[in-house]
Amino acid sequence: MKFDANLQPSGTADLSADHLDEFTAAITSAYPQVQDTISQAEAQLSPYLSTTSTGGQTLGMNLVYGPPGITINGQKVADMPPVNWDALENPPATPAPAPDDGSGADSPTTPPATSQ
C-alpha cells in the first residue's frame, strides 16, 4: 500500500489458493453449520476460480486499487471515491438523539392552533 501525490491510497494484492475445494470440504465436514456461508463465498468468488488436474480448484486474484477504482484480474469491480482527510480529522457534529422517555421531545413540534 502507498499514497499518491494527492494522499490517496493505492496498491496491489495477490491471492492464490490451490485445492480450495478440498479445504472448504474439510471445513464444512467439521462444521456443517457454515455450509451456507461457504457456498455464498464460493459463488462470489466463482469468476476467479478454475480447476486443474494437479491443483484441484484454484483461486487466483490480482487486486489493484487506487483513484481510478478497484480492479480484480484486470476487470473494474468498483469505484474508489477519494478519501477526504479533512472530514476524517474533523467530523461534523452529530446532534444527540431526542430522549424516548414519553416527554414528547422525540416528537415533531406543531405550533398551537390560533383562533380568530
PDB file of N, CA and C in Angstrom:
ATOM      1  N   MET A   1       0.850  -1.173   0.000  1.00  0.00           N
ATOM      2  CA  MET A   1       0.000   0.000   0.000  1.00  0.00           C
ATOM      3  C   MET A   1       0.891   1.229   0.000  1.00  0.00           C
ATOM      4  N   LYS A   2       0.447   2.234  -0.715  1.00  0.00           N
ATOM      5  CA  LYS A   2       1.165   3.502  -0.745  1.00  0.00           C
ATOM      6  C   LYS A   2       0.147   4.622  -0.938  1.00  0.00           C
ATOM      7  N   PHE A   3       0.618   5.845  -0.870  1.00  0.00           N
ATOM      8  CA  PHE A   3      -0.220   7.010  -1.100  1.00  0.00           C
ATOM      9  C   PHE A   3       0.365   7.790  -2.269  1.00  0.00           C
ATOM     10  N   ASP A   4      -0.527   8.260  -3.144  1.00  0.00           N
ATOM     11  CA  ASP A   4      -0.066   9.025  -4.302  1.00  0.00           C
ATOM     12  C   ASP A   4       0.186  10.479  -3.905  1.00  0.00           C
ATOM     13  N   ALA A   5       0.471  11.326  -4.876  1.00  0.00           N
ATOM     14  CA  ALA A   5       0.783  12.733  -4.616  1.00  0.00           C
ATOM     15  C   ALA A   5      -0.381  13.482  -3.974  1.00  0.00           C
ATOM     16  N   ASN A   6      -1.612  12.996  -4.155  1.00  0.00           N
ATOM     17  CA  ASN A   6      -2.797  13.626  -3.560  1.00  0.00           C
ATOM     18  C   ASN A   6      -3.200  12.955  -2.250  1.00  0.00           C
ATOM     19  N   LEU A   7      -2.307  12.137  -1.698  1.00  0.00           N
ATOM     20  CA  LEU A   7      -2.536  11.405  -0.446  1.00  0.00           C
ATOM     21  C   LEU A   7      -3.708  10.431  -0.530  1.00  0.00           C
ATOM     22  N   GLN A   8      -3.893   9.860  -1.701  1.00  0.00           N
ATOM     23  CA  GLN A   8      -4.933   8.855  -1.892  1.00  0.00           C
ATOM     24  C   GLN A   8      -4.278   7.467  -1.882  1.00  0.00           C
ATOM     25  N   PRO A   9      -4.911   6.497  -1.188  1.00  0.00           N
ATOM     26  CA  PRO A   9      -4.309   5.165  -1.110  1.00  0.00           C
ATOM     27  C   PRO A   9      -4.347   4.456  -2.460  1.00  0.00           C
ATOM     28  N   SER A  10      -3.316   3.684  -2.715  1.00  0.00           N
ATOM     29  CA  SER A  10      -3.278   2.839  -3.907  1.00  0.00           C
ATOM     30  C   SER A  10      -2.355   1.669  -3.603  1.00  0.00           C
ATOM     31  N   GLY A  11      -2.551   0.595  -4.321  1.00  0.00           N
ATOM     32  CA  GLY A  11      -1.706  -0.563  -4.095  1.00  0.00           C
ATOM     33  C   GLY A  11      -2.214  -1.783  -4.828  1.00  0.00           C
ATOM     34  N   THR A  12      -1.601  -2.896  -4.516  1.00  0.00           N
ATOM     35  CA  THR A  12      -1.967  -4.167  -5.131  1.00  0.00           C
ATOM     36  C   THR A  12      -1.958  -5.263  -4.080  1.00  0.00           C
ATOM     37  N   ALA A  13      -2.651  -6.328  -4.386  1.00  0.00           N
ATOM     38  CA  ALA A  13      -2.636  -7.523  -3.545  1.00  0.00           C
ATOM     39  C   ALA A  13      -2.849  -8.728  -4.447  1.00  0.00           C
ATOM     40  N   ASP A  14      -2.171  -9.796  -4.150  1.00  0.00           N
ATOM     41  CA  ASP A  14      -2.341 -11.042  -4.887  1.00  0.00           C
ATOM     42  C   ASP A  14      -2.787 -12.129  -3.915  1.00  0.00           C
ATOM     43  N   LEU A  15      -3.756 -12.908  -4.344  1.00  0.00           N
ATOM     44  CA  LEU A  15      -4.265 -14.004  -3.536  1.00  0.00           C
ATOM     45  C   LEU A  15      -4.384 -15.231  -4.418  1.00  0.00           C
ATOM     46  N   SER A  16      -3.832 -16.330  -3.959  1.00  0.00           N
ATOM     47  CA  SER A  16      -3.986 -17.579  -4.697  1.00  0.00           C
ATOM     48  C   SER A  16      -4.124 -18.720  -3.705  1.00  0.00           C
ATOM     49  N   ALA A  17      -4.847 -19.733  -4.113  1.00  0.00           N
ATOM     50  CA  ALA A  17      -5.041 -20.913  -3.279  1.00  0.00           C
ATOM     51  C   ALA A  17      -5.243 -22.117  -4.190  1.00  0.00           C
ATOM     52  N   ASP A  18      -4.499 -23.183  -3.912  1.00  0.00           N
ATOM     53  CA  ASP A  18      -4.671 -24.442  -4.629  1.00  0.00           C
ATOM     54  C   ASP A  18      -5.475 -25.394  -3.745  1.00  0.00           C
ATOM     55  N   HIS A  19      -6.212 -26.272  -4.374  1.00  0.00           N
ATOM     56  CA  HIS A  19      -7.034 -27.271  -3.675  1.00  0.00           C
ATOM     57  C   HIS A  19      -8.061 -26.605  -2.762  1.00  0.00           C
ATOM     58  N   LEU A  20      -8.618 -25.493  -3.201  1.00  0.00           N
ATOM     59  CA  LEU A  20      -9.612 -24.784  -2.401  1.00  0.00           C
ATOM     60  C   LEU A  20     -10.825 -25.658  -2.130  1.00  0.00           C
ATOM     61  N   ASP A  21     -11.204 -26.500  -3.081  1.00  0.00           N
ATOM     62  CA  ASP A  21     -12.344 -27.394  -2.898  1.00  0.00           C
ATOM     63  C   ASP A  21     -12.105 -28.367  -1.750  1.00  0.00           C
ATOM     64  N   GLU A  22     -10.898 -28.896  -1.637  1.00  0.00           N
ATOM     65  CA  GLU A  22     -10.585 -29.816  -0.537  1.00  0.00           C
ATOM     66  C   GLU A  22     -10.606 -29.084   0.801  1.00  0.00           C
ATOM     67  N   PHE A  23     -10.102 -27.874   0.806  1.00  0.00           N
ATOM     68  CA  PHE A  23     -10.075 -27.066   2.026  1.00  0.00           C
ATOM     69  C   PHE A  23     -11.493 -26.770   2.513  1.00  0.00           C
ATOM     70  N   THR A  24     -12.360 -26.292   1.602  1.00  0.00           N
ATOM     71  CA  THR A  24     -13.731 -25.962   2.018  1.00  0.00           C
ATOM     72  C   THR A  24     -14.514 -27.223   2.385  1.00  0.00           C
ATOM     73  N   ALA A  25     -14.238 -28.354   1.722  1.00  0.00           N
ATOM     74  CA  ALA A  25     -14.905 -29.610   2.078  1.00  0.00           C
ATOM     75  C   ALA A  25     -14.522 -30.044   3.490  1.00  0.00           C
ATOM     76  N   ALA A  26     -13.265 -29.868   3.849  1.00  0.00           N
ATOM     77  CA  ALA A  26     -12.818 -30.224   5.197  1.00  0.00           C
ATOM     78  C   ALA A  26     -13.483 -29.340   6.246  1.00  0.00           C
ATOM     79  N   ILE A  27     -13.615 -28.066   5.935  1.00  0.00           N
ATOM     80  CA  ILE A  27     -14.257 -27.142   6.882  1.00  0.00           C
ATOM     81  C   ILE A  27     -15.724 -27.508   7.062  1.00  0.00           C
ATOM     82  N   THR A  28     -16.449 -27.698   5.961  1.00  0.00           N
ATOM     83  CA  THR A  28     -17.886 -27.992   6.080  1.00  0.00           C
ATOM     84  C   THR A  28     -18.137 -29.378   6.671  1.00  0.00           C
ATOM     85  N   SER A  29     -17.199 -30.296   6.514  1.00  0.00           N
ATOM     86  CA  SER A  29     -17.337 -31.609   7.147  1.00  0.00           C
ATOM     87  C   SER A  29     -17.225 -31.472   8.668  1.00  0.00           C
ATOM     88  N   ALA A  30     -16.298 -30.646   9.113  1.00  0.00           N
ATOM     89  CA  ALA A  30     -16.104 -30.446  10.551  1.00  0.00           C
ATOM     90  C   ALA A  30     -17.141 -29.501  11.147  1.00  0.00           C
ATOM     91  N   TYR A  31     -17.603 -28.545  10.352  1.00  0.00           N
ATOM     92  CA  TYR A  31     -18.545 -27.528  10.838  1.00  0.00           C
ATOM     93  C   TYR A  31     -19.686 -27.378   9.833  1.00  0.00           C
ATOM     94  N   PRO A  32     -20.639 -28.299   9.816  1.00  0.00           N
ATOM     95  CA  PRO A  32     -21.716 -28.250   8.816  1.00  0.00           C
ATOM     96  C   PRO A  32     -22.524 -26.952   8.844  1.00  0.00           C
ATOM     97  N   GLN A  33     -22.555 -26.275   9.974  1.00  0.00           N
ATOM     98  CA  GLN A  33     -23.352 -25.049  10.095  1.00  0.00           C
ATOM     99  C   GLN A  33     -22.815 -23.915   9.226  1.00  0.00           C
ATOM    100  N   VAL A  34     -21.594 -24.010   8.712  1.00  0.00           N
ATOM    101  CA  VAL A  34     -21.037 -22.941   7.879  1.00  0.00           C
ATOM    102  C   VAL A  34     -21.212 -23.210   6.386  1.00  0.00           C
ATOM    103  N   GLN A  35     -21.917 -24.290   6.034  1.00  0.00           N
ATOM    104  CA  GLN A  35     -22.076 -24.653   4.624  1.00  0.00           C
ATOM    105  C   GLN A  35     -22.671 -23.517   3.797  1.00  0.00           C
ATOM    106  N   ASP A  36     -23.726 -22.869   4.299  1.00  0.00           N
ATOM    107  CA  ASP A  36     -24.355 -21.778   3.541  1.00  0.00           C
ATOM    108  C   ASP A  36     -23.393 -20.605   3.339  1.00  0.00           C
ATOM    109  N   THR A  37     -22.654 -20.254   4.376  1.00  0.00           N
ATOM    110  CA  THR A  37     -21.711 -19.142   4.279  1.00  0.00           C
ATOM    111  C   THR A  37     -20.608 -19.452   3.266  1.00  0.00           C
ATOM    112  N   ILE A  38     -20.095 -20.657   3.287  1.00  0.00           N
ATOM    113  CA  ILE A  38     -19.045 -21.046   2.348  1.00  0.00           C
ATOM    114  C   ILE A  38     -19.592 -21.099   0.928  1.00  0.00           C
ATOM    115  N   SER A  39     -20.805 -21.597   0.774  1.00  0.00           N
ATOM    116  CA  SER A  39     -21.416 -21.634  -0.562  1.00  0.00           C
ATOM    117  C   SER A  39     -21.585 -20.225  -1.132  1.00  0.00           C
ATOM    118  N   GLN A  40     -21.997 -19.278  -0.288  1.00  0.00           N
ATOM    119  CA  GLN A  40     -22.144 -17.887  -0.735  1.00  0.00           C
ATOM    120  C   GLN A  40     -20.795 -17.294  -1.118  1.00  0.00           C
ATOM    121  N   ALA A  41     -19.762 -17.572  -0.332  1.00  0.00           N
ATOM    122  CA  ALA A  41     -18.426 -17.056  -0.640  1.00  0.00           C
ATOM    123  C   ALA A  41     -17.913 -17.649  -1.952  1.00  0.00           C
ATOM    124  N   GLU A  42     -18.129 -18.945  -2.154  1.00  0.00           N
ATOM    125  CA  GLU A  42     -17.685 -19.583  -3.397  1.00  0.00           C
ATOM    126  C   GLU A  42     -18.430 -19.002  -4.600  1.00  0.00           C
ATOM    127  N   ALA A  43     -19.711 -18.694  -4.418  1.00  0.00           N
ATOM    128  CA  ALA A  43     -20.479 -18.099  -5.520  1.00  0.00           C
ATOM    129  C   ALA A  43     -19.919 -16.722  -5.882  1.00  0.00           C
ATOM    130  N   GLN A  44     -19.564 -15.933  -4.884  1.00  0.00           N
ATOM    131  CA  GLN A  44     -18.994 -14.608  -5.148  1.00  0.00           C
ATOM    132  C   GLN A  44     -17.605 -14.706  -5.768  1.00  0.00           C
ATOM    133  N   LEU A  45     -16.876 -15.753  -5.425  1.00  0.00           N
ATOM    134  CA  LEU A  45     -15.520 -15.918  -5.949  1.00  0.00           C
ATOM    135  C   LEU A  45     -15.482 -16.701  -7.258  1.00  0.00           C
ATOM    136  N   SER A  46     -16.621 -17.189  -7.721  1.00  0.00           N
ATOM    137  CA  SER A  46     -16.647 -18.063  -8.896  1.00  0.00           C
ATOM    138  C   SER A  46     -15.935 -17.484 -10.127  1.00  0.00           C
ATOM    139  N   PRO A  47     -15.988 -16.170 -10.378  1.00  0.00           N
ATOM    140  CA  PRO A  47     -15.256 -15.670 -11.553  1.00  0.00           C
ATOM    141  C   PRO A  47     -13.740 -15.856 -11.453  1.00  0.00           C
ATOM    142  N   TYR A  48     -13.240 -16.106 -10.259  1.00  0.00           N
ATOM    143  CA  TYR A  48     -11.801 -16.185 -10.038  1.00  0.00           C
ATOM    144  C   TYR A  48     -11.340 -17.615  -9.747  1.00  0.00           C
ATOM    145  N   LEU A  49     -12.261 -18.575  -9.896  1.00  0.00           N
ATOM    146  CA  LEU A  49     -11.947 -19.978  -9.625  1.00  0.00           C
ATOM    147  C   LEU A  49     -11.728 -20.731 -10.928  1.00  0.00           C
ATOM    148  N   SER A  50     -10.790 -21.638 -10.908  1.00  0.00           N
ATOM    149  CA  SER A  50     -10.587 -22.543 -12.036  1.00  0.00           C
ATOM    150  C   SER A  50     -10.260 -23.914 -11.461  1.00  0.00           C
ATOM    151  N   THR A  51     -10.264 -24.918 -12.311  1.00  0.00           N
ATOM    152  CA  THR A  51      -9.962 -26.270 -11.879  1.00  0.00           C
ATOM    153  C   THR A  51      -8.829 -26.813 -12.733  1.00  0.00           C
ATOM    154  N   THR A  52      -7.871 -27.402 -12.055  1.00  0.00           N
ATOM    155  CA  THR A  52      -6.756 -28.022 -12.765  1.00  0.00           C
ATOM    156  C   THR A  52      -6.640 -29.477 -12.333  1.00  0.00           C
ATOM    157  N   SER A  53      -5.958 -30.267 -13.127  1.00  0.00           N
ATOM    158  CA  SER A  53      -5.796 -31.681 -12.774  1.00  0.00           C
ATOM    159  C   SER A  53      -4.831 -31.853 -11.603  1.00  0.00           C
ATOM    160  N   THR A  54      -3.934 -30.896 -11.396  1.00  0.00           N
ATOM    161  CA  THR A  54      -2.964 -31.027 -10.312  1.00  0.00           C
ATOM    162  C   THR A  54      -3.283 -30.169  -9.093  1.00  0.00           C
ATOM    163  N   GLY A  55      -3.981 -29.058  -9.289  1.00  0.00           N
ATOM    164  CA  GLY A  55      -4.246 -28.145  -8.177  1.00  0.00           C
ATOM    165  C   GLY A  55      -5.666 -28.172  -7.683  1.00  0.00           C
ATOM    166  N   GLY A  56      -6.497 -29.066  -8.270  1.00  0.00           N
ATOM    167  CA  GLY A  56      -7.897 -29.071  -7.877  1.00  0.00           C
ATOM    168  C   GLY A  56      -8.522 -27.728  -8.201  1.00  0.00           C
ATOM    169  N   GLN A  57      -9.371 -27.265  -7.323  1.00  0.00           N
ATOM    170  CA  GLN A  57      -9.979 -25.948  -7.518  1.00  0.00           C
ATOM    171  C   GLN A  57      -8.967 -24.894  -7.083  1.00  0.00           C
ATOM    172  N   THR A  58      -8.677 -23.960  -7.977  1.00  0.00           N
ATOM    173  CA  THR A  58      -7.653 -22.948  -7.738  1.00  0.00           C
ATOM    174  C   THR A  58      -8.277 -21.559  -7.755  1.00  0.00           C
ATOM    175  N   LEU A  59      -7.921 -20.768  -6.761  1.00  0.00           N
ATOM    176  CA  LEU A  59      -8.364 -19.375  -6.688  1.00  0.00           C
ATOM    177  C   LEU A  59      -7.179 -18.496  -7.059  1.00  0.00           C
ATOM    178  N   GLY A  60      -7.394 -17.568  -7.966  1.00  0.00           N
ATOM    179  CA  GLY A  60      -6.342 -16.638  -8.345  1.00  0.00           C
ATOM    180  C   GLY A  60      -6.913 -15.243  -8.507  1.00  0.00           C
ATOM    181  N   MET A  61      -6.444 -14.308  -7.679  1.00  0.00           N
ATOM    182  CA  MET A  61      -6.936 -12.929  -7.731  1.00  0.00           C
ATOM    183  C   MET A  61      -5.763 -11.962  -7.671  1.00  0.00           C
ATOM    184  N   ASN A  62      -5.804 -10.975  -8.556  1.00  0.00           N
ATOM    185  CA  ASN A  62      -4.862  -9.861  -8.521  1.00  0.00           C
ATOM    186  C   ASN A  62      -5.700  -8.602  -8.349  1.00  0.00           C
ATOM    187  N   LEU A  63      -5.580  -7.989  -7.201  1.00  0.00           N
ATOM    188  CA  LEU A  63      -6.362  -6.812  -6.849  1.00  0.00           C
ATOM    189  C   LEU A  63      -5.503  -5.569  -7.003  1.00  0.00           C
ATOM    190  N   VAL A  64      -6.039  -4.560  -7.692  1.00  0.00           N
ATOM    191  CA  VAL A  64      -5.371  -3.269  -7.836  1.00  0.00           C
ATOM    192  C   VAL A  64      -6.383  -2.212  -7.404  1.00  0.00           C
ATOM    193  N   TYR A  65      -5.966  -1.324  -6.514  1.00  0.00           N
ATOM    194  CA  TYR A  65      -6.877  -0.277  -6.058  1.00  0.00           C
ATOM    195  C   TYR A  65      -6.162   1.066  -6.045  1.00  0.00           C
ATOM    196  N   GLY A  66      -6.946   2.088  -6.279  1.00  0.00           N
ATOM    197  CA  GLY A  66      -6.426   3.448  -6.311  1.00  0.00           C
ATOM    198  C   GLY A  66      -7.490   4.372  -6.868  1.00  0.00           C
ATOM    199  N   PRO A  67      -7.132   5.628  -7.130  1.00  0.00           N
ATOM    200  CA  PRO A  67      -8.110   6.613  -7.603  1.00  0.00           C
ATOM    201  C   PRO A  67      -8.961   6.178  -8.802  1.00  0.00           C
ATOM    202  N   PRO A  68      -8.429   5.424  -9.786  1.00  0.00           N
ATOM    203  CA  PRO A  68      -9.327   5.035 -10.884  1.00  0.00           C
ATOM    204  C   PRO A  68     -10.406   4.035 -10.457  1.00  0.00           C
ATOM    205  N   GLY A  69     -10.169   3.316  -9.369  1.00  0.00           N
ATOM    206  CA  GLY A  69     -11.141   2.331  -8.906  1.00  0.00           C
ATOM    207  C   GLY A  69     -10.450   1.065  -8.443  1.00  0.00           C
ATOM    208  N   ILE A  70     -11.254   0.031  -8.278  1.00  0.00           N
ATOM    209  CA  ILE A  70     -10.757  -1.265  -7.824  1.00  0.00           C
ATOM    210  C   ILE A  70     -10.937  -2.257  -8.961  1.00  0.00           C
ATOM    211  N   THR A  71      -9.868  -2.946  -9.299  1.00  0.00           N
ATOM    212  CA  THR A  71      -9.944  -3.964 -10.344  1.00  0.00           C
ATOM    213  C   THR A  71      -9.474  -5.296  -9.781  1.00  0.00           C
ATOM    214  N   ILE A  72     -10.100  -6.348 -10.250  1.00  0.00           N
ATOM    215  CA  ILE A  72      -9.676  -7.708  -9.918  1.00  0.00           C
ATOM    216  C   ILE A  72      -9.421  -8.413 -11.236  1.00  0.00           C
ATOM    217  N   ASN A  73      -8.203  -8.899 -11.392  1.00  0.00           N
ATOM    218  CA  ASN A  73      -7.774  -9.579 -12.616  1.00  0.00           C
ATOM    219  C   ASN A  73      -8.068  -8.733 -13.860  1.00  0.00           C
ATOM    220  N   GLY A  74      -7.830  -7.433 -13.737  1.00  0.00           N
ATOM    221  CA  GLY A  74      -7.983  -6.525 -14.866  1.00  0.00           C
ATOM    222  C   GLY A  74      -9.394  -6.036 -15.125  1.00  0.00           C
ATOM    223  N   GLN A  75     -10.361  -6.495 -14.367  1.00  0.00           N
ATOM    224  CA  GLN A  75     -11.760  -6.101 -14.552  1.00  0.00           C
ATOM    225  C   GLN A  75     -12.175  -5.148 -13.431  1.00  0.00           C
ATOM    226  N   LYS A  76     -12.641  -3.952 -13.790  1.00  0.00           N
ATOM    227  CA  LYS A  76     -13.067  -2.989 -12.767  1.00  0.00           C
ATOM    228  C   LYS A  76     -14.313  -3.529 -12.068  1.00  0.00           C
ATOM    229  N   VAL A  77     -14.263  -3.560 -10.725  1.00  0.00           N
ATOM    230  CA  VAL A  77     -15.387  -4.067  -9.941  1.00  0.00           C
ATOM    231  C   VAL A  77     -16.053  -2.986  -9.090  1.00  0.00           C
ATOM    232  N   ALA A  78     -15.362  -1.856  -8.881  1.00  0.00           N
ATOM    233  CA  ALA A  78     -15.954  -0.790  -8.064  1.00  0.00           C
ATOM    234  C   ALA A  78     -15.180   0.505  -8.262  1.00  0.00           C
ATOM    235  N   ASP A  79     -15.869   1.611  -8.015  1.00  0.00           N
ATOM    236  CA  ASP A  79     -15.209   2.906  -7.964  1.00  0.00           C
ATOM    237  C   ASP A  79     -14.525   3.028  -6.603  1.00  0.00           C
ATOM    238  N   MET A  80     -13.573   3.897  -6.529  1.00  0.00           N
ATOM    239  CA  MET A  80     -12.918   4.169  -5.251  1.00  0.00           C
ATOM    240  C   MET A  80     -12.921   5.673  -5.046  1.00  0.00           C
ATOM    241  N   PRO A  81     -13.930   6.169  -4.307  1.00  0.00           N
ATOM    242  CA  PRO A  81     -14.006   7.619  -4.110  1.00  0.00           C
ATOM    243  C   PRO A  81     -12.795   8.123  -3.324  1.00  0.00           C
ATOM    244  N   PRO A  82     -12.399   9.360  -3.563  1.00  0.00           N
ATOM    245  CA  PRO A  82     -11.241   9.896  -2.844  1.00  0.00           C
ATOM    246  C   PRO A  82     -11.511   9.996  -1.340  1.00  0.00           C
ATOM    247  N   VAL A  83     -10.459   9.802  -0.585  1.00  0.00           N
ATOM    248  CA  VAL A  83     -10.548   9.945   0.865  1.00  0.00           C
ATOM    249  C   VAL A  83     -10.475  11.431   1.188  1.00  0.00           C
ATOM    250  N   ASN A  84     -11.443  11.930   1.955  1.00  0.00           N
ATOM    251  CA  ASN A  84     -11.446  13.320   2.391  1.00  0.00           C
ATOM    252  C   ASN A  84     -10.826  13.359   3.783  1.00  0.00           C
ATOM    253  N   TRP A  85      -9.531  13.607   3.834  1.00  0.00           N
ATOM    254  CA  TRP A  85      -8.807  13.570   5.097  1.00  0.00           C
ATOM    255  C   TRP A  85      -9.288  14.633   6.071  1.00  0.00           C
ATOM    256  N   ASP A  86      -9.705  15.814   5.575  1.00  0.00           N
ATOM    257  CA  ASP A  86     -10.204  16.868   6.468  1.00  0.00           C
ATOM    258  C   ASP A  86     -11.466  16.408   7.195  1.00  0.00           C
ATOM    259  N   ALA A  87     -12.352  15.737   6.477  1.00  0.00           N
ATOM    260  CA  ALA A  87     -13.590  15.255   7.104  1.00  0.00           C
ATOM    261  C   ALA A  87     -13.299  14.160   8.121  1.00  0.00           C
ATOM    262  N   LEU A  88     -12.267  13.348   7.878  1.00  0.00           N
ATOM    263  CA  LEU A  88     -11.918  12.301   8.843  1.00  0.00           C
ATOM    264  C   LEU A  88     -11.332  12.889  10.115  1.00  0.00           C
ATOM    265  N   GLU A  89     -10.553  13.961   9.971  1.00  0.00           N
ATOM    266  CA  GLU A  89      -9.953  14.596  11.148  1.00  0.00           C
ATOM    267  C   GLU A  89     -10.953  15.451  11.911  1.00  0.00           C
ATOM    268  N   ASN A  90     -11.911  16.036  11.207  1.00  0.00           N
ATOM    269  CA  ASN A  90     -12.881  16.950  11.819  1.00  0.00           C
ATOM    270  C   ASN A  90     -14.294  16.551  11.412  1.00  0.00           C
ATOM    271  N   PRO A  91     -14.783  15.429  11.938  1.00  0.00           N
ATOM    272  CA  PRO A  91     -16.129  15.008  11.521  1.00  0.00           C
ATOM    273  C   PRO A  91     -17.176  16.021  11.953  1.00  0.00           C
ATOM    274  N   PRO A  92     -18.239  16.160  11.154  1.00  0.00           N
ATOM    275  CA  PRO A  92     -19.292  17.099  11.534  1.00  0.00           C
ATOM    276  C   PRO A  92     -19.980  16.628  12.815  1.00  0.00           C
ATOM    277  N   ALA A  93     -20.401  17.603  13.603  1.00  0.00           N
ATOM    278  CA  ALA A  93     -21.097  17.273  14.852  1.00  0.00           C
ATOM    279  C   ALA A  93     -22.415  16.595  14.525  1.00  0.00           C
ATOM    280  N   THR A  94     -22.696  15.543  15.255  1.00  0.00           N
ATOM    281  CA  THR A  94     -23.951  14.821  15.083  1.00  0.00           C
ATOM    282  C   THR A  94     -24.866  15.188  16.244  1.00  0.00           C
ATOM    283  N   PRO A  95     -26.070  15.654  15.943  1.00  0.00           N
ATOM    284  CA  PRO A  95     -26.958  16.009  17.056  1.00  0.00           C
ATOM    285  C   PRO A  95     -27.325  14.766  17.857  1.00  0.00           C
ATOM    286  N   ALA A  96     -27.436  14.960  19.165  1.00  0.00           N
ATOM    287  CA  ALA A  96     -27.820  13.850  20.039  1.00  0.00           C
ATOM    288  C   ALA A  96     -29.267  13.483  19.767  1.00  0.00           C
ATOM    289  N   PRO A  97     -29.580  12.197  19.790  1.00  0.00           N
ATOM    290  CA  PRO A  97     -30.974  11.797  19.562  1.00  0.00           C
ATOM    291  C   PRO A  97     -31.856  12.275  20.714  1.00  0.00           C
ATOM    292  N   ALA A  98     -33.090  12.572  20.388  1.00  0.00           N
ATOM    293  CA  ALA A  98     -34.045  13.010  21.411  1.00  0.00           C
ATOM    294  C   ALA A  98     -34.369  11.834  22.316  1.00  0.00           C
ATOM    295  N   PRO A  99     -34.629  12.107  23.580  1.00  0.00           N
ATOM    296  CA  PRO A  99     -34.940  11.009  24.502  1.00  0.00           C
ATOM    297  C   PRO A  99     -36.282  10.378  24.148  1.00  0.00           C
ATOM    298  N   ASP A 100     -36.360   9.091  24.335  1.00  0.00           N
ATOM    299  CA  ASP A 100     -37.611   8.359  24.107  1.00  0.00           C
ATOM    300  C   ASP A 100     -38.192   8.030  25.477  1.00  0.00           C
ATOM    301  N   ASP A 101     -38.500   9.084  26.240  1.00  0.00           N
ATOM    302  CA  ASP A 101     -38.933   8.904  27.623  1.00  0.00           C
ATOM    303  C   ASP A 101     -40.386   9.313  27.864  1.00  0.00           C
ATOM    304  N   GLY A 102     -41.115   9.523  26.768  1.00  0.00           N
ATOM    305  CA  GLY A 102     -42.514   9.912  26.922  1.00  0.00           C
ATOM    306  C   GLY A 102     -42.715  11.398  27.119  1.00  0.00           C
ATOM    307  N   SER A 103     -41.624  12.164  27.123  1.00  0.00           N
ATOM    308  CA  SER A 103     -41.739  13.597  27.363  1.00  0.00           C
ATOM    309  C   SER A 103     -42.226  14.352  26.131  1.00  0.00           C
ATOM    310  N   GLY A 104     -42.201  13.688  24.990  1.00  0.00           N
ATOM    311  CA  GLY A 104     -42.609  14.351  23.758  1.00  0.00           C
ATOM    312  C   GLY A 104     -41.461  15.011  23.039  1.00  0.00           C
ATOM    313  N   ALA A 105     -40.261  14.960  23.619  1.00  0.00           N
ATOM    314  CA  ALA A 105     -39.099  15.594  22.994  1.00  0.00           C
ATOM    315  C   ALA A 105     -38.703  14.897  21.706  1.00  0.00           C
ATOM    316  N   ASP A 106     -39.153  13.641  21.535  1.00  0.00           N
ATOM    317  CA  ASP A 106     -38.807  12.919  20.319  1.00  0.00           C
ATOM    318  C   ASP A 106     -39.875  13.073  19.241  1.00  0.00           C
ATOM    319  N   SER A 107     -40.911  13.875  19.505  1.00  0.00           N
ATOM    320  CA  SER A 107     -41.987  14.090  18.536  1.00  0.00           C
ATOM    321  C   SER A 107     -41.801  15.420  17.849  1.00  0.00           C
ATOM    322  N   PRO A 108     -42.194  15.494  16.574  1.00  0.00           N
ATOM    323  CA  PRO A 108     -42.101  16.808  15.908  1.00  0.00           C
ATOM    324  C   PRO A 108     -43.034  17.795  16.601  1.00  0.00           C
ATOM    325  N   THR A 109     -42.613  19.034  16.647  1.00  0.00           N
ATOM    326  CA  THR A 109     -43.440  20.043  17.302  1.00  0.00           C
ATOM    327  C   THR A 109     -44.343  20.702  16.257  1.00  0.00           C
ATOM    328  N   THR A 110     -45.538  20.954  16.666  1.00  0.00           N
ATOM    329  CA  THR A 110     -46.522  21.620  15.821  1.00  0.00           C
ATOM    330  C   THR A 110     -46.947  22.874  16.568  1.00  0.00           C
ATOM    331  N   PRO A 111     -46.919  24.027  15.912  1.00  0.00           N
ATOM    332  CA  PRO A 111     -47.332  25.237  16.612  1.00  0.00           C
ATOM    333  C   PRO A 111     -48.805  25.131  17.023  1.00  0.00           C
ATOM    334  N   PRO A 112     -49.144  25.715  18.149  1.00  0.00           N
ATOM    335  CA  PRO A 112     -50.546  25.640  18.585  1.00  0.00           C
ATOM    336  C   PRO A 112     -51.460  26.358  17.601  1.00  0.00           C
ATOM    337  N   ALA A 113     -52.644  25.822  17.490  1.00  0.00           N
ATOM    338  CA  ALA A 113     -53.636  26.417  16.573  1.00  0.00           C
ATOM    339  C   ALA A 113     -54.083  27.747  17.162  1.00  0.00           C
ATOM    340  N   THR A 114     -54.316  28.711  16.310  1.00  0.00           N
ATOM    341  CA  THR A 114     -54.806  30.008  16.768  1.00  0.00           C
ATOM    342  C   THR A 114     -56.235  30.184  16.306  1.00  0.00           C
ATOM    343  N   SER A 115     -57.024  30.810  17.129  1.00  0.00           N
ATOM    344  CA  SER A 115     -58.421  31.079  16.736  1.00  0.00           C
ATOM    345  C   SER A 115     -58.601  32.560  16.579  1.00  0.00           C
ATOM    346  N   GLN A 116     -59.469  32.937  15.672  1.00  0.00           N
ATOM    347  CA  GLN A 116     -59.690  34.349  15.452  1.00  0.00           C
ATOM    348  C   GLN A 116     -61.140  34.669  15.551  1.00  0.00           C
TER     349      GLN A 116
END
